[in-house]
């Protein structure tokens, strides 16, 4: 039983460390990528209303 809790504590600690590193990486990427998202253009295609099929939603 003690072995189980030891392994569980190690895994929870490792998970917390990985989460801290992951969240700090996301905030760093967010600050760098703000100007890139303004320049990116997305293509929007119009719906074909003359289709013989009905809309599902």
PDB file of N, CA and C in Angstrom:
ATOM      1  N   UNK A   1       0.826  -1.189   0.000  1.00  0.00           N
ATOM      2  CA  UNK A   1       0.000   0.000   0.000  1.00  0.00           C
ATOM      3  C   UNK A   1       0.874   1.259   0.000  1.00  0.00           C
ATOM      4  N   UNK A   2       1.948   1.203   0.740  1.00  0.00           N
ATOM      5  CA  UNK A   2       2.856   2.351   0.785  1.00  0.00           C
ATOM      6  C   UNK A   2       3.523   2.574  -0.573  1.00  0.00           C
ATOM      7  N   UNK A   3       3.806   1.496  -1.289  1.00  0.00           N
ATOM      8  CA  UNK A   3       4.417   1.600  -2.611  1.00  0.00           C
ATOM      9  C   UNK A   3       3.459   2.292  -3.582  1.00  0.00           C
ATOM     10  N   UNK A   4       2.173   1.939  -3.490  1.00  0.00           N
ATOM     11  CA  UNK A   4       1.170   2.548  -4.361  1.00  0.00           C
ATOM     12  C   UNK A   4       1.125   4.060  -4.149  1.00  0.00           C
ATOM     13  N   UNK A   5       1.066   4.498  -2.886  1.00  0.00           N
ATOM     14  CA  UNK A   5       0.992   5.924  -2.609  1.00  0.00           C
ATOM     15  C   UNK A   5       2.283   6.643  -2.988  1.00  0.00           C
ATOM     16  N   UNK A   6       3.412   5.978  -2.871  1.00  0.00           N
ATOM     17  CA  UNK A   6       4.679   6.576  -3.272  1.00  0.00           C
ATOM     18  C   UNK A   6       4.712   6.813  -4.777  1.00  0.00           C
ATOM     19  N   UNK A   7       4.318   5.791  -5.542  1.00  0.00           N
ATOM     20  CA  UNK A   7       4.287   5.925  -7.003  1.00  0.00           C
ATOM     21  C   UNK A   7       3.252   6.967  -7.413  1.00  0.00           C
ATOM     22  N   UNK A   8       2.086   6.973  -6.741  1.00  0.00           N
ATOM     23  CA  UNK A   8       1.047   7.953  -7.054  1.00  0.00           C
ATOM     24  C   UNK A   8       1.539   9.373  -6.788  1.00  0.00           C
ATOM     25  N   UNK A   9       2.220   9.581  -5.675  1.00  0.00           N
ATOM     26  CA  UNK A   9       2.742  10.907  -5.350  1.00  0.00           C
ATOM     27  C   UNK A   9       3.789  11.359  -6.363  1.00  0.00           C
ATOM     28  N   UNK A  10       4.638  10.433  -6.794  1.00  0.00           N
ATOM     29  CA  UNK A  10       5.655  10.769  -7.798  1.00  0.00           C
ATOM     30  C   UNK A  10       4.991  11.152  -9.125  1.00  0.00           C
ATOM     31  N   UNK A  11       3.976  10.407  -9.538  1.00  0.00           N
ATOM     32  CA  UNK A  11       3.298  10.702 -10.794  1.00  0.00           C
ATOM     33  C   UNK A  11       2.528  12.020 -10.730  1.00  0.00           C
ATOM     34  N   UNK A  12       1.880  12.290  -9.604  1.00  0.00           N
ATOM     35  CA  UNK A  12       1.151  13.555  -9.464  1.00  0.00           C
ATOM     36  C   UNK A  12       2.131  14.730  -9.469  1.00  0.00           C
ATOM     37  N   UNK A  13       3.270  14.579  -8.809  1.00  0.00           N
ATOM     38  CA  UNK A  13       4.284  15.632  -8.813  1.00  0.00           C
ATOM     39  C   UNK A  13       4.846  15.871 -10.200  1.00  0.00           C
ATOM     40  N   UNK A  14       5.121  14.790 -10.925  1.00  0.00           N
ATOM     41  CA  UNK A  14       5.639  14.934 -12.293  1.00  0.00           C
ATOM     42  C   UNK A  14       4.600  15.602 -13.187  1.00  0.00           C
ATOM     43  N   UNK A  15       3.335  15.236 -12.995  1.00  0.00           N
ATOM     44  CA  UNK A  15       2.265  15.842 -13.779  1.00  0.00           C
ATOM     45  C   UNK A  15       2.173  17.337 -13.490  1.00  0.00           C
ATOM     46  N   UNK A  16       2.305  17.726 -12.232  1.00  0.00           N
ATOM     47  CA  UNK A  16       2.253  19.151 -11.876  1.00  0.00           C
ATOM     48  C   UNK A  16       3.416  19.916 -12.502  1.00  0.00           C
ATOM     49  N   UNK A  17       4.602  19.318 -12.487  1.00  0.00           N
ATOM     50  CA  UNK A  17       5.773  19.973 -13.091  1.00  0.00           C
ATOM     51  C   UNK A  17       5.580  20.141 -14.592  1.00  0.00           C
ATOM     52  N   UNK A  18       5.094  19.088 -15.266  1.00  0.00           N
ATOM     53  CA  UNK A  18       4.861  19.181 -16.710  1.00  0.00           C
ATOM     54  C   UNK A  18       3.791  20.225 -17.026  1.00  0.00           C
ATOM     55  N   UNK A  19       2.766  20.314 -16.178  1.00  0.00           N
ATOM     56  CA  UNK A  19       1.707  21.281 -16.420  1.00  0.00           C
ATOM     57  C   UNK A  19       2.232  22.706 -16.268  1.00  0.00           C
ATOM     58  N   UNK A  20       3.089  22.957 -15.294  1.00  0.00           N
ATOM     59  CA  UNK A  20       3.660  24.286 -15.116  1.00  0.00           C
ATOM     60  C   UNK A  20       4.494  24.668 -16.326  1.00  0.00           C
ATOM     61  N   UNK A  21       5.332  23.740 -16.802  1.00  0.00           N
ATOM     62  CA  UNK A  21       6.140  24.037 -17.990  1.00  0.00           C
ATOM     63  C   UNK A  21       5.269  24.246 -19.221  1.00  0.00           C
ATOM     64  N   UNK A  22       4.226  23.470 -19.356  1.00  0.00           N
ATOM     65  CA  UNK A  22       3.340  23.588 -20.501  1.00  0.00           C
ATOM     66  C   UNK A  22       2.615  24.919 -20.495  1.00  0.00           C
ATOM     67  N   UNK A  23       2.096  25.329 -19.347  1.00  0.00           N
ATOM     68  CA  UNK A  23       1.359  26.590 -19.277  1.00  0.00           C
ATOM     69  C   UNK A  23       2.275  27.789 -19.462  1.00  0.00           C
ATOM     70  N   UNK A  24       3.506  27.697 -19.015  1.00  0.00           N
ATOM     71  CA  UNK A  24       4.430  28.809 -19.233  1.00  0.00           C
ATOM     72  C   UNK A  24       4.811  28.901 -20.707  1.00  0.00           C
ATOM     73  N   UNK A  25       4.874  27.772 -21.404  1.00  0.00           N
ATOM     74  CA  UNK A  25       5.149  27.784 -22.839  1.00  0.00           C
ATOM     75  C   UNK A  25       4.004  28.366 -23.633  1.00  0.00           C
ATOM     76  N   UNK A  26       2.766  28.125 -23.196  1.00  0.00           N
ATOM     77  CA  UNK A  26       1.602  28.660 -23.899  1.00  0.00           C
ATOM     78  C   UNK A  26       1.570  30.174 -23.775  1.00  0.00           C
ATOM     79  N   UNK A  27       1.853  30.709 -22.590  1.00  0.00           N
ATOM     80  CA  UNK A  27       1.816  32.155 -22.426  1.00  0.00           C
ATOM     81  C   UNK A  27       2.935  32.824 -23.223  1.00  0.00           C
ATOM     82  N   UNK A  28       4.085  32.175 -23.347  1.00  0.00           N
ATOM     83  CA  UNK A  28       5.178  32.744 -24.137  1.00  0.00           C
ATOM     84  C   UNK A  28       4.822  32.739 -25.623  1.00  0.00           C
ATOM     85  N   UNK A  29       4.185  31.675 -26.109  1.00  0.00           N
ATOM     86  CA  UNK A  29       3.782  31.614 -27.513  1.00  0.00           C
ATOM     87  C   UNK A  29       2.675  32.612 -27.804  1.00  0.00           C
ATOM     88  N   UNK A  30       1.793  32.832 -26.830  1.00  0.00           N
ATOM     89  CA  UNK A  30       0.685  33.752 -27.029  1.00  0.00           C
ATOM     90  C   UNK A  30       1.202  35.174 -27.228  1.00  0.00           C
ATOM     91  N   UNK A  31       2.209  35.556 -26.501  1.00  0.00           N
ATOM     92  CA  UNK A  31       2.757  36.900 -26.644  1.00  0.00           C
ATOM     93  C   UNK A  31       3.477  37.079 -27.970  1.00  0.00           C
ATOM     94  N   UNK A  32       4.150  36.030 -28.461  1.00  0.00           N
ATOM     95  CA  UNK A  32       4.874  36.131 -29.728  1.00  0.00           C
ATOM     96  C   UNK A  32       3.936  36.079 -30.920  1.00  0.00           C
ATOM     97  N   UNK A  33       2.847  35.313 -30.834  1.00  0.00           N
ATOM     98  CA  UNK A  33       2.023  35.039 -31.999  1.00  0.00           C
ATOM     99  C   UNK A  33       0.902  36.010 -32.244  1.00  0.00           C
ATOM    100  N   UNK A  34       0.773  37.082 -31.500  1.00  0.00           N
ATOM    101  CA  UNK A  34      -0.347  37.993 -31.691  1.00  0.00           C
ATOM    102  C   UNK A  34      -0.302  38.701 -33.030  1.00  0.00           C
ATOM    103  N   UNK A  35       0.852  39.100 -33.503  1.00  0.00           N
ATOM    104  CA  UNK A  35       0.947  39.814 -34.782  1.00  0.00           C
ATOM    105  C   UNK A  35       0.739  38.885 -35.969  1.00  0.00           C
ATOM    106  N   UNK A  36       1.078  37.610 -35.823  1.00  0.00           N
ATOM    107  CA  UNK A  36       0.923  36.667 -36.922  1.00  0.00           C
ATOM    108  C   UNK A  36      -0.540  36.385 -37.209  1.00  0.00           C
ATOM    109  N   UNK A  37      -1.381  36.366 -36.186  1.00  0.00           N
ATOM    110  CA  UNK A  37      -2.783  36.032 -36.396  1.00  0.00           C
ATOM    111  C   UNK A  37      -3.519  37.143 -37.142  1.00  0.00           C
ATOM    112  N   UNK A  38      -3.042  38.367 -37.066  1.00  0.00           N
ATOM    113  CA  UNK A  38      -3.685  39.466 -37.778  1.00  0.00           C
ATOM    114  C   UNK A  38      -3.415  39.334 -39.273  1.00  0.00           C
ATOM    115  N   UNK A  39      -2.227  38.882 -39.655  1.00  0.00           N
ATOM    116  CA  UNK A  39      -1.859  38.781 -41.059  1.00  0.00           C
ATOM    117  C   UNK A  39      -2.465  37.568 -41.754  1.00  0.00           C
ATOM    118  N   UNK A  40      -2.810  36.537 -40.994  1.00  0.00           N
ATOM    119  CA  UNK A  40      -3.331  35.311 -41.598  1.00  0.00           C
ATOM    120  C   UNK A  40      -4.749  35.549 -42.108  1.00  0.00           C
ATOM    121  N   UNK A  41      -5.011  35.086 -43.331  1.00  0.00           N
ATOM    122  CA  UNK A  41      -6.343  35.231 -43.910  1.00  0.00           C
ATOM    123  C   UNK A  41      -6.975  33.853 -44.019  1.00  0.00           C
ATOM    124  N   UNK A  42      -8.261  33.789 -43.713  1.00  0.00           N
ATOM    125  CA  UNK A  42      -8.976  32.529 -43.821  1.00  0.00           C
ATOM    126  C   UNK A  42      -9.980  32.631 -44.960  1.00  0.00           C
ATOM    127  N   UNK A  43     -10.142  31.538 -45.662  1.00  0.00           N
ATOM    128  CA  UNK A  43     -11.090  31.503 -46.770  1.00  0.00           C
ATOM    129  C   UNK A  43     -12.453  31.063 -46.244  1.00  0.00           C
ATOM    130  N   UNK A  44     -13.476  31.830 -46.548  1.00  0.00           N
ATOM    131  CA  UNK A  44     -14.839  31.501 -46.150  1.00  0.00           C
ATOM    132  C   UNK A  44     -15.626  31.245 -47.422  1.00  0.00           C
ATOM    133  N   UNK A  45     -16.200  30.065 -47.499  1.00  0.00           N
ATOM    134  CA  UNK A  45     -16.940  29.686 -48.692  1.00  0.00           C
ATOM    135  C   UNK A  45     -18.440  29.874 -48.454  1.00  0.00           C
ATOM    136  N   UNK A  46     -19.167  30.445 -49.403  1.00  0.00           N
ATOM    137  CA  UNK A  46     -20.610  30.658 -49.210  1.00  0.00           C
ATOM    138  C   UNK A  46     -21.383  29.336 -49.302  1.00  0.00           C
ATOM    139  N   UNK A  47     -22.511  29.296 -48.627  1.00  0.00           N
ATOM    140  CA  UNK A  47     -23.372  28.120 -48.704  1.00  0.00           C
ATOM    141  C   UNK A  47     -24.081  28.094 -50.047  1.00  0.00           C
ATOM    142  N   UNK A  48     -24.278  26.916 -50.580  1.00  0.00           N
ATOM    143  CA  UNK A  48     -24.982  26.759 -51.844  1.00  0.00           C
ATOM    144  C   UNK A  48     -26.464  26.561 -51.531  1.00  0.00           C
ATOM    145  N   UNK A  49     -27.249  27.592 -51.675  1.00  0.00           N
ATOM    146  CA  UNK A  49     -28.668  27.506 -51.338  1.00  0.00           C
ATOM    147  C   UNK A  49     -29.469  26.837 -52.444  1.00  0.00           C
ATOM    148  N   UNK A  50     -28.887  26.666 -53.618  1.00  0.00           N
ATOM    149  CA  UNK A  50     -29.617  26.046 -54.723  1.00  0.00           C
ATOM    150  C   UNK A  50     -29.511  24.525 -54.683  1.00  0.00           C
ATOM    151  N   UNK A  51     -28.933  23.988 -53.636  1.00  0.00           N
ATOM    152  CA  UNK A  51     -28.759  22.553 -53.520  1.00  0.00           C
ATOM    153  C   UNK A  51     -30.118  21.878 -53.299  1.00  0.00           C
ATOM    154  N   UNK A  52     -30.255  20.649 -53.794  1.00  0.00           N
ATOM    155  CA  UNK A  52     -31.506  19.902 -53.627  1.00  0.00           C
ATOM    156  C   UNK A  52     -31.592  19.247 -52.250  1.00  0.00           C
ATOM    157  N   UNK A  53     -30.480  19.228 -51.522  1.00  0.00           N
ATOM    158  CA  UNK A  53     -30.475  18.637 -50.185  1.00  0.00           C
ATOM    159  C   UNK A  53     -30.884  19.648 -49.139  1.00  0.00           C
ATOM    160  N   UNK A  54     -31.554  19.165 -48.091  1.00  0.00           N
ATOM    161  CA  UNK A  54     -31.973  20.053 -47.008  1.00  0.00           C
ATOM    162  C   UNK A  54     -30.825  20.172 -46.008  1.00  0.00           C
ATOM    163  N   UNK A  55     -30.818  21.291 -45.307  1.00  0.00           N
ATOM    164  CA  UNK A  55     -29.808  21.496 -44.278  1.00  0.00           C
ATOM    165  C   UNK A  55     -30.108  20.579 -43.088  1.00  0.00           C
ATOM    166  N   UNK A  56     -29.075  19.990 -42.516  1.00  0.00           N
ATOM    167  CA  UNK A  56     -29.258  19.098 -41.380  1.00  0.00           C
ATOM    168  C   UNK A  56     -29.477  19.877 -40.094  1.00  0.00           C
ATOM    169  N   UNK A  57     -28.895  21.036 -40.022  1.00  0.00           N
ATOM    170  CA  UNK A  57     -28.993  21.807 -38.777  1.00  0.00           C
ATOM    171  C   UNK A  57     -29.671  23.118 -39.068  1.00  0.00           C
TER     172      UNK A  57
END
